[in-house]
Amino acid sequence: MCLYDPHIVDEYIGVLNGSGLSAAYIKLELTESAFFENISIMNNVKNVAIDVLKLDKSFVDDIGDDRSEKIISNIIYLAHSLQIEVTAEGVETAAQFEFLKSVGCDYIQGYYFGKPQPAELQDVRAVYALICELEEQDLPLLEFENIFGSLLKLPEHFLMIGEIEGRTVAFLHLRVEGQLHHAAKIAEILEFDVERSHRGRNLGQQFFAYAEKLARDNGCIQFELSSNMLREKAHCFYERQGMHKFHYKFTLPLSGKTVNENKLGV
């Protein structure tokens, strides 16, 4: 979308009114290509309240080339001189990470951090901690361990973790199954969490993209999930990934508990 489109404000107001969400959930992203593409933008950028500049993976991939590194260094220097923070995307190697850190890049994202990998039985306690954080309650550990071990043996279930510095900070559970009302395979995310202290670092987007690729590679025609109505930030995330809210999910407690109100942590 063009920032100079005279209808841009009306379009965003329409999005907000249609979703019922607060304007705090809307973020405009400006890549470095738009930032530097012509002098007219450079002349006007001082008048735009920009917080973060994203450095595209195409720049990051060229780290190691002296000329490219000088360009990146100067982009970061110029951004900082305008009190704009810089986020580098697509970082995959230690060399890329160390260079970006050395030139003062504020945020560094990519598969170098928390690349999705298959979970193993030894990961159960770390995954348990993540799911308890997500559900805001302590789940029965023994039952959790038994279910986790059983799921690892089922080929239609994909359990993935992401680690940073040897610690598990993300988990995603994907199920692939044939469904009669689609007459095809459907992929569904059953559990998905990134540790609170590591949110906002692109880990969630990386995991979602990886799960979507798994779904496509397994011949699925649709990618879906269910989310509690109270998790508004999660809903915003999934909509940013291109998902739609076209269905309702109904639940009926069978444990004997009386549930009259939707709450997290119960």
Protein backbone atom coordinates (compact mmCIF):
# COMPACT_ATOMS: atom_id res chain seq x y z
CA MET A 1 0.00 0.00 0.00
CA CYS A 2 1.33 3.45 -0.94
CA LEU A 3 1.89 5.76 2.02
CA TYR A 4 0.88 8.70 -0.17
CA ASP A 5 -2.48 7.21 -1.11
CA PRO A 6 -5.07 9.85 -0.10
CA HIS A 7 -7.44 7.07 1.01
CA ILE A 8 -4.99 5.24 3.27
CA VAL A 9 -6.41 6.67 6.52
CA ASP A 10 -9.99 5.84 5.51
CA GLU A 11 -8.94 2.29 4.61
CA TYR A 12 -7.32 1.68 7.98
CA ILE A 13 -10.27 3.18 9.83
CA GLY A 14 -12.49 0.78 7.89
CA VAL A 15 -10.31 -2.17 8.92
CA LEU A 16 -10.47 -1.13 12.57
CA ASN A 17 -14.23 -0.58 12.53
CA GLY A 18 -14.79 -3.93 10.85
CA SER A 19 -12.62 -5.86 13.30
CA GLY A 20 -13.65 -4.08 16.50
CA LEU A 21 -9.99 -3.97 17.57
CA SER A 22 -8.04 -1.14 19.12
CA ALA A 23 -5.78 0.96 16.88
CA ALA A 24 -2.90 -0.19 19.11
CA TYR A 25 -2.95 -3.51 17.23
CA ILE A 26 -2.23 -1.90 13.86
CA LYS A 27 1.40 -1.46 12.80
CA LEU A 28 2.59 -0.02 9.48
CA GLU A 29 5.85 -1.52 8.24
CA LEU A 30 8.29 0.37 6.01
CA THR A 31 11.11 -1.67 4.45
CA GLU A 32 14.48 -0.20 3.61
CA SER A 33 13.65 -0.47 -0.12
CA ALA A 34 10.80 2.00 0.30
CA PHE A 35 12.92 4.07 2.64
CA PHE A 36 15.63 4.64 0.05
CA GLU A 37 13.93 4.20 -3.31
CA ASN A 38 13.87 7.89 -4.27
CA ILE A 39 14.81 11.33 -3.05
CA SER A 40 11.21 12.47 -2.55
CA ILE A 41 10.71 9.87 0.19
CA MET A 42 14.03 10.86 1.75
CA ASN A 43 12.91 14.49 1.80
CA ASN A 44 9.65 13.60 3.53
CA VAL A 45 10.75 10.84 5.91
CA LYS A 46 11.66 13.43 8.58
CA ASN A 47 7.95 14.29 8.75
CA VAL A 48 6.78 10.69 9.24
CA ALA A 49 6.62 9.14 12.73
CA ILE A 50 8.62 6.00 11.91
CA ASP A 51 9.67 3.77 14.81
CA VAL A 52 11.37 0.78 13.17
CA LEU A 53 13.06 0.16 9.82
CA LYS A 54 13.21 -3.44 8.57
CA LEU A 55 16.34 -4.61 6.77
CA ASP A 56 15.29 -7.20 4.18
CA LYS A 57 16.82 -10.68 3.93
CA SER A 58 18.26 -9.76 0.52
CA PHE A 59 20.63 -7.38 2.33
CA VAL A 60 21.42 -9.87 5.07
CA ASP A 61 22.29 -12.57 2.52
CA ASP A 62 25.09 -10.36 1.15
CA ILE A 63 26.85 -9.99 4.50
CA GLY A 64 30.47 -11.01 3.88
CA ASP A 65 30.77 -8.76 0.85
CA ASP A 66 32.65 -5.60 1.83
CA ARG A 67 30.55 -3.25 -0.29
CA SER A 68 27.28 -4.71 0.99
CA GLU A 69 28.43 -4.48 4.60
CA LYS A 70 29.24 -0.79 4.14
CA ILE A 71 25.75 -0.18 2.73
CA ILE A 72 24.13 -1.96 5.70
CA SER A 73 26.30 -0.04 8.17
CA ASN A 74 25.29 3.28 6.63
CA ILE A 75 21.59 2.34 6.53
CA ILE A 76 21.72 1.60 10.25
CA TYR A 77 23.71 4.78 10.95
CA LEU A 78 21.20 6.93 9.04
CA ALA A 79 18.21 5.27 10.73
CA HIS A 80 19.72 5.77 14.18
CA SER A 81 20.48 9.42 13.41
CA LEU A 82 16.72 9.83 12.86
CA GLN A 83 15.94 7.96 16.11
CA ILE A 84 14.65 4.97 14.13
CA GLU A 85 15.39 1.44 15.33
CA VAL A 86 16.48 -1.22 12.83
CA THR A 87 15.33 -4.83 12.57
CA ALA A 88 17.24 -7.28 10.34
CA GLU A 89 15.23 -10.18 8.92
CA GLY A 90 16.33 -13.58 7.64
CA VAL A 91 19.48 -14.02 9.75
CA GLU A 92 20.64 -17.63 9.45
CA THR A 93 24.33 -17.75 10.35
CA ALA A 94 26.58 -16.78 13.22
CA ALA A 95 28.63 -14.55 10.88
CA GLN A 96 25.52 -12.56 9.90
CA PHE A 97 24.49 -12.24 13.54
CA GLU A 98 27.93 -11.08 14.71
CA PHE A 99 28.23 -8.49 11.95
CA LEU A 100 24.78 -7.01 12.58
CA LYS A 101 25.48 -6.89 16.30
CA SER A 102 28.79 -5.14 15.65
CA VAL A 103 27.16 -2.35 13.60
CA GLY A 104 24.45 -1.73 16.19
CA CYS A 105 21.40 -3.41 14.65
CA ASP A 106 18.66 -3.17 17.28
CA TYR A 107 16.70 -6.35 16.54
CA ILE A 108 17.85 -9.47 14.72
CA GLN A 109 15.40 -12.09 13.42
CA GLY A 110 15.71 -15.33 11.48
CA TYR A 111 16.29 -19.07 11.65
CA TYR A 112 19.53 -18.49 13.53
CA PHE A 113 17.16 -18.12 16.49
CA GLY A 114 14.72 -20.88 17.32
CA LYS A 115 14.60 -22.71 13.99
CA PRO A 116 11.68 -25.19 14.07
CA GLN A 117 12.86 -28.74 14.71
CA PRO A 118 11.10 -32.00 15.62
CA ALA A 119 10.40 -32.39 19.32
CA GLU A 120 11.76 -35.41 21.21
CA LEU A 121 10.63 -37.11 24.40
CA GLN A 122 13.33 -35.30 26.38
CA ASP A 123 11.64 -31.98 25.48
CA VAL A 124 8.44 -32.80 27.34
CA ARG A 125 9.14 -30.72 30.48
CA ALA A 126 10.07 -27.64 28.44
CA VAL A 127 6.95 -28.01 26.31
CA TYR A 128 4.87 -28.55 29.45
CA ALA A 129 6.11 -25.22 30.84
CA LEU A 130 5.18 -23.42 27.61
CA ILE A 131 1.68 -24.91 27.47
CA CYS A 132 1.03 -24.12 31.14
CA GLU A 133 2.08 -20.54 30.44
CA LEU A 134 -0.28 -20.41 27.46
CA GLU A 135 -3.22 -21.86 29.39
CA GLU A 136 -2.41 -19.86 32.53
CA GLN A 137 -2.74 -22.92 34.76
CA ASP A 138 -0.76 -25.94 35.95
CA LEU A 139 -1.86 -28.97 33.96
CA PRO A 140 -1.53 -32.55 35.32
CA LEU A 141 2.10 -33.39 34.52
CA LEU A 142 1.83 -37.21 34.34
CA GLU A 143 -1.12 -37.11 31.95
CA PHE A 144 0.68 -34.47 29.87
CA GLU A 145 3.81 -36.63 29.61
CA ASN A 146 1.78 -39.69 28.57
CA ILE A 147 -0.07 -37.78 25.85
CA PHE A 148 3.12 -36.13 24.61
CA GLY A 149 4.87 -39.50 24.29
CA SER A 150 1.91 -41.00 22.43
CA LEU A 151 1.69 -38.11 19.97
CA LEU A 152 5.37 -38.42 19.07
CA LYS A 153 4.62 -41.92 17.69
CA LEU A 154 1.78 -40.80 15.40
CA PRO A 155 2.91 -39.88 11.85
CA GLU A 156 -0.03 -37.52 11.31
CA HIS A 157 1.08 -35.35 14.26
CA PHE A 158 4.01 -32.93 13.93
CA LEU A 159 5.42 -31.59 17.21
CA MET A 160 8.05 -28.86 16.74
CA ILE A 161 10.16 -26.83 19.13
CA GLY A 162 12.40 -23.79 18.77
CA GLU A 163 15.47 -23.24 20.94
CA ILE A 164 17.54 -20.16 21.70
CA GLU A 165 20.87 -20.71 23.44
CA GLY A 166 19.85 -24.27 24.30
CA ARG A 167 16.50 -23.34 25.86
CA THR A 168 13.11 -24.21 24.36
CA VAL A 169 11.14 -21.01 23.76
CA ALA A 170 8.56 -22.05 21.15
CA PHE A 171 6.30 -25.03 20.48
CA LEU A 172 3.85 -25.90 17.72
CA HIS A 173 1.66 -29.00 17.34
CA LEU A 174 0.23 -29.64 13.87
CA ARG A 175 -2.18 -32.44 12.92
CA VAL A 176 -2.83 -33.62 9.35
CA GLU A 177 -5.94 -35.67 8.68
CA GLY A 178 -8.45 -36.52 5.97
CA GLN A 179 -11.90 -35.01 6.59
CA LEU A 180 -15.06 -36.26 4.93
CA HIS A 181 -16.76 -32.88 4.63
CA HIS A 182 -13.75 -31.66 2.62
CA ALA A 183 -13.02 -34.99 0.91
CA ALA A 184 -9.38 -33.99 1.36
CA LYS A 185 -6.58 -33.56 3.85
CA ILE A 186 -6.75 -30.67 6.33
CA ALA A 187 -3.94 -29.38 8.58
CA GLU A 188 -4.82 -27.94 11.98
CA ILE A 189 -2.64 -26.24 14.58
CA LEU A 190 -3.66 -27.77 17.91
CA GLU A 191 -1.18 -25.99 20.20
CA PHE A 192 1.11 -23.05 19.48
CA ASP A 193 3.05 -20.86 21.91
CA VAL A 194 6.10 -18.64 22.01
CA GLU A 195 7.44 -17.84 25.47
CA ARG A 196 6.28 -14.37 26.49
CA SER A 197 9.82 -13.03 26.88
CA HIS A 198 10.60 -13.97 23.26
CA ARG A 199 7.47 -12.69 21.54
CA GLY A 200 7.82 -9.91 19.02
CA ARG A 201 11.03 -11.42 17.56
CA ASN A 202 9.45 -13.03 14.50
CA LEU A 203 9.57 -16.54 16.02
CA GLY A 204 5.81 -16.94 15.74
CA GLN A 205 5.84 -15.94 12.09
CA GLN A 206 8.70 -18.36 11.37
CA PHE A 207 6.88 -21.24 13.03
CA PHE A 208 3.61 -20.42 11.28
CA ALA A 209 5.34 -20.32 7.87
CA TYR A 210 7.09 -23.62 8.60
CA ALA A 211 3.82 -25.27 9.63
CA GLU A 212 2.09 -23.94 6.53
CA LYS A 213 4.84 -25.45 4.37
CA LEU A 214 4.43 -28.79 6.18
CA ALA A 215 0.70 -28.66 5.43
CA ARG A 216 1.31 -27.99 1.75
CA ASP A 217 4.00 -30.67 1.51
CA ASN A 218 1.53 -33.18 2.98
CA GLY A 219 -1.11 -32.38 0.36
CA CYS A 220 -3.49 -30.42 2.58
CA ILE A 221 -6.01 -28.09 0.96
CA GLN A 222 -6.63 -25.98 4.09
CA PHE A 223 -4.74 -24.76 7.14
CA GLU A 224 -6.81 -24.00 10.25
CA LEU A 225 -6.86 -23.63 14.02
CA SER A 226 -9.13 -22.76 16.95
CA SER A 227 -8.42 -19.94 19.39
CA ASN A 228 -10.19 -18.73 22.51
CA MET A 229 -12.26 -15.59 21.88
CA LEU A 230 -10.32 -13.80 24.63
CA ARG A 231 -6.98 -14.12 22.83
CA GLU A 232 -7.37 -10.97 20.74
CA LYS A 233 -3.65 -10.47 20.15
CA ALA A 234 -3.39 -14.01 18.81
CA HIS A 235 -6.32 -13.35 16.49
CA CYS A 236 -4.50 -10.29 15.11
CA PHE A 237 -1.39 -12.40 14.53
CA TYR A 238 -3.29 -15.09 12.61
CA GLU A 239 -5.11 -12.53 10.49
CA ARG A 240 -1.76 -10.96 9.61
CA GLN A 241 -0.69 -14.39 8.33
CA GLY A 242 -3.70 -14.36 5.97
CA MET A 243 -6.16 -16.49 7.97
CA HIS A 244 -9.91 -15.75 8.14
CA LYS A 245 -12.48 -16.00 10.93
CA PHE A 246 -15.19 -17.86 9.02
CA HIS A 247 -16.18 -20.53 11.59
CA TYR A 248 -17.46 -20.92 15.15
CA LYS A 249 -16.28 -23.59 17.58
CA PHE A 250 -18.71 -24.91 20.19
CA THR A 251 -17.61 -26.74 23.34
CA LEU A 252 -19.41 -28.84 25.95
CA PRO A 253 -17.60 -29.67 29.22
CA LEU A 254 -17.85 -33.37 30.13
CA SER A 255 -15.90 -33.24 33.40
CA GLY A 256 -18.88 -32.27 35.53
CA LYS A 257 -17.76 -28.67 35.91
CA THR A 258 -20.30 -25.91 35.41
CA VAL A 259 -18.94 -23.27 33.05
CA ASN A 260 -20.92 -20.05 32.80
CA GLU A 261 -18.15 -17.66 31.73
CA ASN A 262 -15.29 -17.77 29.25
CA LYS A 263 -12.04 -17.47 31.22
CA LEU A 264 -8.41 -18.29 30.63
CA GLY A 265 -6.69 -20.38 33.26
CA VAL A 266 -9.69 -22.56 34.22
